[in-house]
Amino acid sequence: MATLSAIVIINAAIGFAIWGIDRKRATYGLLLPAGIAVATGLLLWVILVAFSVSYTPGISWLAWLLPMIAGMLAAIATVVVLARRRAASDDARYTETLQAR
């Protein structure tokens, strides 16, 4: 249970930090990167526990480390992809609105 709590708290903190670092954070919500990071970390943790990785001597640390890394990478990928698409969509919408007048 301590592993699960640590993964949720650390992945949420990583998601909030990624949101804070991003320059285009105004295009999406505060909870999106944190939610993606937590969901990805928890899903990977469940998979690792189902395959008994957390109970295998010598590699039990993988159940702590991999979900945090996966959550961080998923949050970064979401922010990069979403910020690009959202900025392009907003620019197209602004251009369309200005040309209509």
N, C-alpha and C. Protein backbone atom coordinates (compact mmCIF):
# COMPACT_ATOMS: atom_id res chain seq x y z
N MET A 1 0.81 -1.19 0.00
CA MET A 1 0.00 0.00 0.00
C MET A 1 0.86 1.26 0.00
N ALA A 2 2.02 1.19 0.62
CA ALA A 2 2.92 2.34 0.63
C ALA A 2 3.41 2.65 -0.78
N THR A 3 3.64 1.61 -1.55
CA THR A 3 4.07 1.81 -2.93
C THR A 3 3.00 2.56 -3.72
N LEU A 4 1.78 2.14 -3.56
CA LEU A 4 0.67 2.76 -4.28
C LEU A 4 0.52 4.23 -3.89
N SER A 5 0.59 4.51 -2.61
CA SER A 5 0.47 5.90 -2.14
C SER A 5 1.61 6.76 -2.66
N ALA A 6 2.81 6.23 -2.62
CA ALA A 6 3.97 6.99 -3.11
C ALA A 6 3.86 7.25 -4.60
N ILE A 7 3.39 6.29 -5.35
CA ILE A 7 3.26 6.46 -6.80
C ILE A 7 2.22 7.54 -7.11
N VAL A 8 1.11 7.54 -6.41
CA VAL A 8 0.07 8.55 -6.65
C VAL A 8 0.59 9.94 -6.30
N ILE A 9 1.20 10.09 -5.15
CA ILE A 9 1.66 11.41 -4.70
C ILE A 9 2.78 11.94 -5.59
N ILE A 10 3.75 11.10 -5.89
CA ILE A 10 4.90 11.56 -6.69
C ILE A 10 4.49 11.83 -8.14
N ASN A 11 3.64 10.99 -8.72
CA ASN A 11 3.18 11.24 -10.09
C ASN A 11 2.33 12.49 -10.17
N ALA A 12 1.51 12.75 -9.17
CA ALA A 12 0.73 13.99 -9.16
C ALA A 12 1.66 15.20 -9.07
N ALA A 13 2.67 15.12 -8.23
CA ALA A 13 3.64 16.22 -8.11
C ALA A 13 4.40 16.44 -9.41
N ILE A 14 4.77 15.35 -10.07
CA ILE A 14 5.46 15.46 -11.36
C ILE A 14 4.54 16.11 -12.39
N GLY A 15 3.28 15.71 -12.43
CA GLY A 15 2.32 16.29 -13.37
C GLY A 15 2.12 17.77 -13.14
N PHE A 16 2.00 18.18 -11.88
CA PHE A 16 1.85 19.61 -11.58
C PHE A 16 3.11 20.38 -11.95
N ALA A 17 4.28 19.78 -11.72
CA ALA A 17 5.54 20.44 -12.09
C ALA A 17 5.65 20.61 -13.60
N ILE A 18 5.25 19.59 -14.34
CA ILE A 18 5.28 19.69 -15.81
C ILE A 18 4.33 20.78 -16.29
N TRP A 19 3.16 20.87 -15.67
CA TRP A 19 2.23 21.95 -16.03
C TRP A 19 2.85 23.31 -15.73
N GLY A 20 3.53 23.43 -14.61
CA GLY A 20 4.14 24.69 -14.23
C GLY A 20 5.29 25.10 -15.12
N ILE A 21 6.01 24.13 -15.66
CA ILE A 21 7.16 24.41 -16.51
C ILE A 21 6.73 24.81 -17.92
N ASP A 22 5.61 24.28 -18.39
CA ASP A 22 5.18 24.50 -19.76
C ASP A 22 4.79 25.95 -20.01
N ARG A 23 5.28 26.51 -21.08
CA ARG A 23 4.97 27.90 -21.43
C ARG A 23 3.56 28.05 -21.99
N LYS A 24 3.04 27.01 -22.60
CA LYS A 24 1.70 27.08 -23.21
C LYS A 24 0.64 26.45 -22.32
N ARG A 25 0.81 26.57 -21.02
CA ARG A 25 -0.11 25.94 -20.08
C ARG A 25 -1.50 26.56 -20.08
N ALA A 26 -1.65 27.71 -20.67
CA ALA A 26 -2.95 28.36 -20.71
C ALA A 26 -3.91 27.67 -21.67
N THR A 27 -3.40 26.77 -22.51
CA THR A 27 -4.25 26.12 -23.50
C THR A 27 -4.94 24.86 -22.97
N TYR A 28 -4.57 24.40 -21.79
CA TYR A 28 -5.20 23.21 -21.22
C TYR A 28 -5.25 23.36 -19.70
N GLY A 29 -5.95 22.50 -19.04
CA GLY A 29 -6.20 22.63 -17.61
C GLY A 29 -5.06 22.17 -16.72
N LEU A 30 -5.13 22.57 -15.48
CA LEU A 30 -4.11 22.26 -14.48
C LEU A 30 -4.03 20.77 -14.17
N LEU A 31 -5.15 20.10 -14.12
CA LEU A 31 -5.18 18.71 -13.69
C LEU A 31 -4.87 17.70 -14.79
N LEU A 32 -4.80 18.15 -16.04
CA LEU A 32 -4.59 17.20 -17.14
C LEU A 32 -3.26 16.46 -17.04
N PRO A 33 -2.11 17.13 -16.96
CA PRO A 33 -0.86 16.38 -16.87
C PRO A 33 -0.76 15.54 -15.60
N ALA A 34 -1.26 16.06 -14.49
CA ALA A 34 -1.22 15.30 -13.24
C ALA A 34 -2.11 14.07 -13.32
N GLY A 35 -3.28 14.22 -13.89
CA GLY A 35 -4.19 13.08 -14.04
C GLY A 35 -3.64 12.01 -14.97
N ILE A 36 -3.04 12.44 -16.06
CA ILE A 36 -2.42 11.48 -16.99
C ILE A 36 -1.27 10.75 -16.31
N ALA A 37 -0.45 11.49 -15.58
CA ALA A 37 0.69 10.87 -14.89
C ALA A 37 0.22 9.86 -13.85
N VAL A 38 -0.77 10.22 -13.06
CA VAL A 38 -1.27 9.31 -12.03
C VAL A 38 -1.93 8.08 -12.65
N ALA A 39 -2.76 8.28 -13.66
CA ALA A 39 -3.44 7.14 -14.30
C ALA A 39 -2.44 6.19 -14.94
N THR A 40 -1.43 6.73 -15.61
CA THR A 40 -0.44 5.87 -16.24
C THR A 40 0.38 5.11 -15.20
N GLY A 41 0.78 5.82 -14.16
CA GLY A 41 1.55 5.17 -13.10
C GLY A 41 0.78 4.06 -12.41
N LEU A 42 -0.49 4.32 -12.12
CA LEU A 42 -1.30 3.31 -11.45
C LEU A 42 -1.55 2.10 -12.35
N LEU A 43 -1.80 2.35 -13.62
CA LEU A 43 -2.01 1.24 -14.55
C LEU A 43 -0.77 0.36 -14.65
N LEU A 44 0.39 0.98 -14.76
CA LEU A 44 1.62 0.19 -14.83
C LEU A 44 1.88 -0.53 -13.52
N TRP A 45 1.57 0.11 -12.38
CA TRP A 45 1.75 -0.54 -11.09
C TRP A 45 0.88 -1.79 -10.98
N VAL A 46 -0.38 -1.68 -11.42
CA VAL A 46 -1.28 -2.83 -11.39
C VAL A 46 -0.74 -3.96 -12.25
N ILE A 47 -0.22 -3.62 -13.41
CA ILE A 47 0.35 -4.64 -14.31
C ILE A 47 1.56 -5.30 -13.66
N LEU A 48 2.44 -4.50 -13.07
CA LEU A 48 3.63 -5.06 -12.43
C LEU A 48 3.27 -5.93 -11.24
N VAL A 49 2.30 -5.53 -10.46
CA VAL A 49 1.88 -6.35 -9.32
C VAL A 49 1.20 -7.63 -9.80
N ALA A 50 0.45 -7.56 -10.89
CA ALA A 50 -0.20 -8.75 -11.43
C ALA A 50 0.82 -9.78 -11.89
N PHE A 51 1.97 -9.30 -12.38
CA PHE A 51 3.03 -10.22 -12.80
C PHE A 51 4.04 -10.49 -11.69
N SER A 52 3.71 -10.12 -10.47
CA SER A 52 4.51 -10.38 -9.27
C SER A 52 5.92 -9.80 -9.32
N VAL A 53 6.08 -8.69 -10.02
CA VAL A 53 7.40 -8.05 -10.07
C VAL A 53 7.75 -7.44 -8.72
N SER A 54 6.75 -6.94 -8.01
CA SER A 54 7.03 -6.28 -6.73
C SER A 54 7.38 -7.27 -5.63
N TYR A 55 7.16 -8.56 -5.86
CA TYR A 55 7.46 -9.56 -4.84
C TYR A 55 8.67 -10.43 -5.20
N THR A 56 9.30 -10.14 -6.32
CA THR A 56 10.45 -10.92 -6.76
C THR A 56 11.72 -10.29 -6.19
N PRO A 57 12.50 -11.04 -5.42
CA PRO A 57 13.72 -10.48 -4.86
C PRO A 57 14.69 -10.03 -5.97
N GLY A 58 15.30 -8.90 -5.77
CA GLY A 58 16.27 -8.40 -6.73
C GLY A 58 15.69 -7.40 -7.72
N ILE A 59 14.42 -7.53 -8.04
CA ILE A 59 13.82 -6.58 -8.99
C ILE A 59 12.58 -5.91 -8.41
N SER A 60 12.39 -6.00 -7.11
CA SER A 60 11.20 -5.39 -6.50
C SER A 60 11.21 -3.87 -6.61
N TRP A 61 12.37 -3.26 -6.78
CA TRP A 61 12.47 -1.81 -6.93
C TRP A 61 11.84 -1.33 -8.24
N LEU A 62 11.68 -2.23 -9.21
CA LEU A 62 11.07 -1.84 -10.48
C LEU A 62 9.61 -1.41 -10.30
N ALA A 63 8.93 -2.00 -9.32
CA ALA A 63 7.54 -1.63 -9.07
C ALA A 63 7.44 -0.22 -8.50
N TRP A 64 8.51 0.33 -7.98
CA TRP A 64 8.53 1.71 -7.50
C TRP A 64 8.96 2.67 -8.60
N LEU A 65 9.97 2.31 -9.33
CA LEU A 65 10.59 3.24 -10.27
C LEU A 65 9.86 3.34 -11.61
N LEU A 66 9.52 2.22 -12.21
CA LEU A 66 8.91 2.24 -13.54
C LEU A 66 7.59 3.01 -13.62
N PRO A 67 6.68 2.87 -12.66
CA PRO A 67 5.45 3.67 -12.75
C PRO A 67 5.69 5.19 -12.69
N MET A 68 6.69 5.60 -11.92
CA MET A 68 6.98 7.03 -11.84
C MET A 68 7.59 7.55 -13.13
N ILE A 69 8.46 6.78 -13.72
CA ILE A 69 9.06 7.18 -15.00
C ILE A 69 7.99 7.17 -16.10
N ALA A 70 7.16 6.15 -16.13
CA ALA A 70 6.11 6.08 -17.15
C ALA A 70 5.11 7.22 -17.00
N GLY A 71 4.75 7.56 -15.78
CA GLY A 71 3.84 8.67 -15.55
C GLY A 71 4.43 10.00 -16.01
N MET A 72 5.72 10.19 -15.73
CA MET A 72 6.38 11.42 -16.16
C MET A 72 6.44 11.51 -17.67
N LEU A 73 6.81 10.43 -18.33
CA LEU A 73 6.89 10.44 -19.79
C LEU A 73 5.51 10.63 -20.44
N ALA A 74 4.49 10.04 -19.85
CA ALA A 74 3.14 10.21 -20.40
C ALA A 74 2.66 11.64 -20.24
N ALA A 75 2.95 12.26 -19.11
CA ALA A 75 2.55 13.65 -18.91
C ALA A 75 3.29 14.58 -19.86
N ILE A 76 4.58 14.34 -20.06
CA ILE A 76 5.36 15.16 -20.99
C ILE A 76 4.84 15.00 -22.41
N ALA A 77 4.58 13.77 -22.81
CA ALA A 77 4.08 13.53 -24.16
C ALA A 77 2.71 14.18 -24.36
N THR A 78 1.86 14.10 -23.37
CA THR A 78 0.54 14.72 -23.46
C THR A 78 0.65 16.23 -23.61
N VAL A 79 1.51 16.83 -22.82
CA VAL A 79 1.68 18.29 -22.87
C VAL A 79 2.25 18.72 -24.21
N VAL A 80 3.23 18.01 -24.71
CA VAL A 80 3.86 18.38 -25.98
C VAL A 80 2.86 18.26 -27.13
N VAL A 81 2.18 17.14 -27.21
CA VAL A 81 1.24 16.91 -28.30
C VAL A 81 0.03 17.84 -28.18
N LEU A 82 -0.52 17.95 -26.99
CA LEU A 82 -1.72 18.75 -26.81
C LEU A 82 -1.43 20.23 -27.02
N ALA A 83 -0.30 20.72 -26.54
CA ALA A 83 0.01 22.15 -26.69
C ALA A 83 0.17 22.52 -28.17
N ARG A 84 0.81 21.67 -28.94
CA ARG A 84 0.97 21.94 -30.38
C ARG A 84 -0.38 21.95 -31.08
N ARG A 85 -1.17 20.93 -30.87
CA ARG A 85 -2.46 20.83 -31.55
C ARG A 85 -3.40 21.94 -31.10
N ARG A 86 -3.39 22.22 -29.83
CA ARG A 86 -4.30 23.24 -29.31
C ARG A 86 -3.91 24.63 -29.81
N ALA A 87 -2.60 24.91 -29.86
CA ALA A 87 -2.15 26.21 -30.36
C ALA A 87 -2.50 26.37 -31.84
N ALA A 88 -2.31 25.33 -32.63
CA ALA A 88 -2.65 25.39 -34.05
C ALA A 88 -4.16 25.56 -34.23
N SER A 89 -4.94 24.85 -33.44
CA SER A 89 -6.39 24.97 -33.52
C SER A 89 -6.86 26.37 -33.11
N ASP A 90 -6.28 26.91 -32.06
CA ASP A 90 -6.64 28.27 -31.63
C ASP A 90 -6.27 29.31 -32.67
N ASP A 91 -5.09 29.16 -33.27
CA ASP A 91 -4.68 30.10 -34.32
C ASP A 91 -5.62 30.05 -35.52
N ALA A 92 -6.00 28.85 -35.92
CA ALA A 92 -6.91 28.70 -37.05
C ALA A 92 -8.28 29.31 -36.72
N ARG A 93 -8.74 29.11 -35.51
CA ARG A 93 -10.03 29.66 -35.10
C ARG A 93 -9.98 31.19 -35.03
N TYR A 94 -8.88 31.74 -34.52
CA TYR A 94 -8.73 33.20 -34.46
C TYR A 94 -8.68 33.80 -35.86
N THR A 95 -7.94 33.15 -36.75
CA THR A 95 -7.84 33.62 -38.12
C THR A 95 -9.20 33.60 -38.81
N GLU A 96 -9.94 32.52 -38.61
CA GLU A 96 -11.27 32.39 -39.19
C GLU A 96 -12.21 33.48 -38.66
N THR A 97 -12.12 33.76 -37.39
CA THR A 97 -12.97 34.78 -36.78
C THR A 97 -12.62 36.17 -37.32
N LEU A 98 -11.34 36.45 -37.44
CA LEU A 98 -10.92 37.76 -37.93
C LEU A 98 -11.25 37.95 -39.41
N GLN A 99 -11.20 36.89 -40.20
CA GLN A 99 -11.52 36.99 -41.63
C GLN A 99 -13.02 37.13 -41.86
N ALA A 100 -13.82 36.68 -40.95
CA ALA A 100 -15.27 36.75 -41.08
C ALA A 100 -15.77 38.18 -40.90
N ARG A 101 -14.99 38.99 -40.23
CA ARG A 101 -15.43 40.38 -39.99
C ARG A 101 -15.07 41.23 -41.11
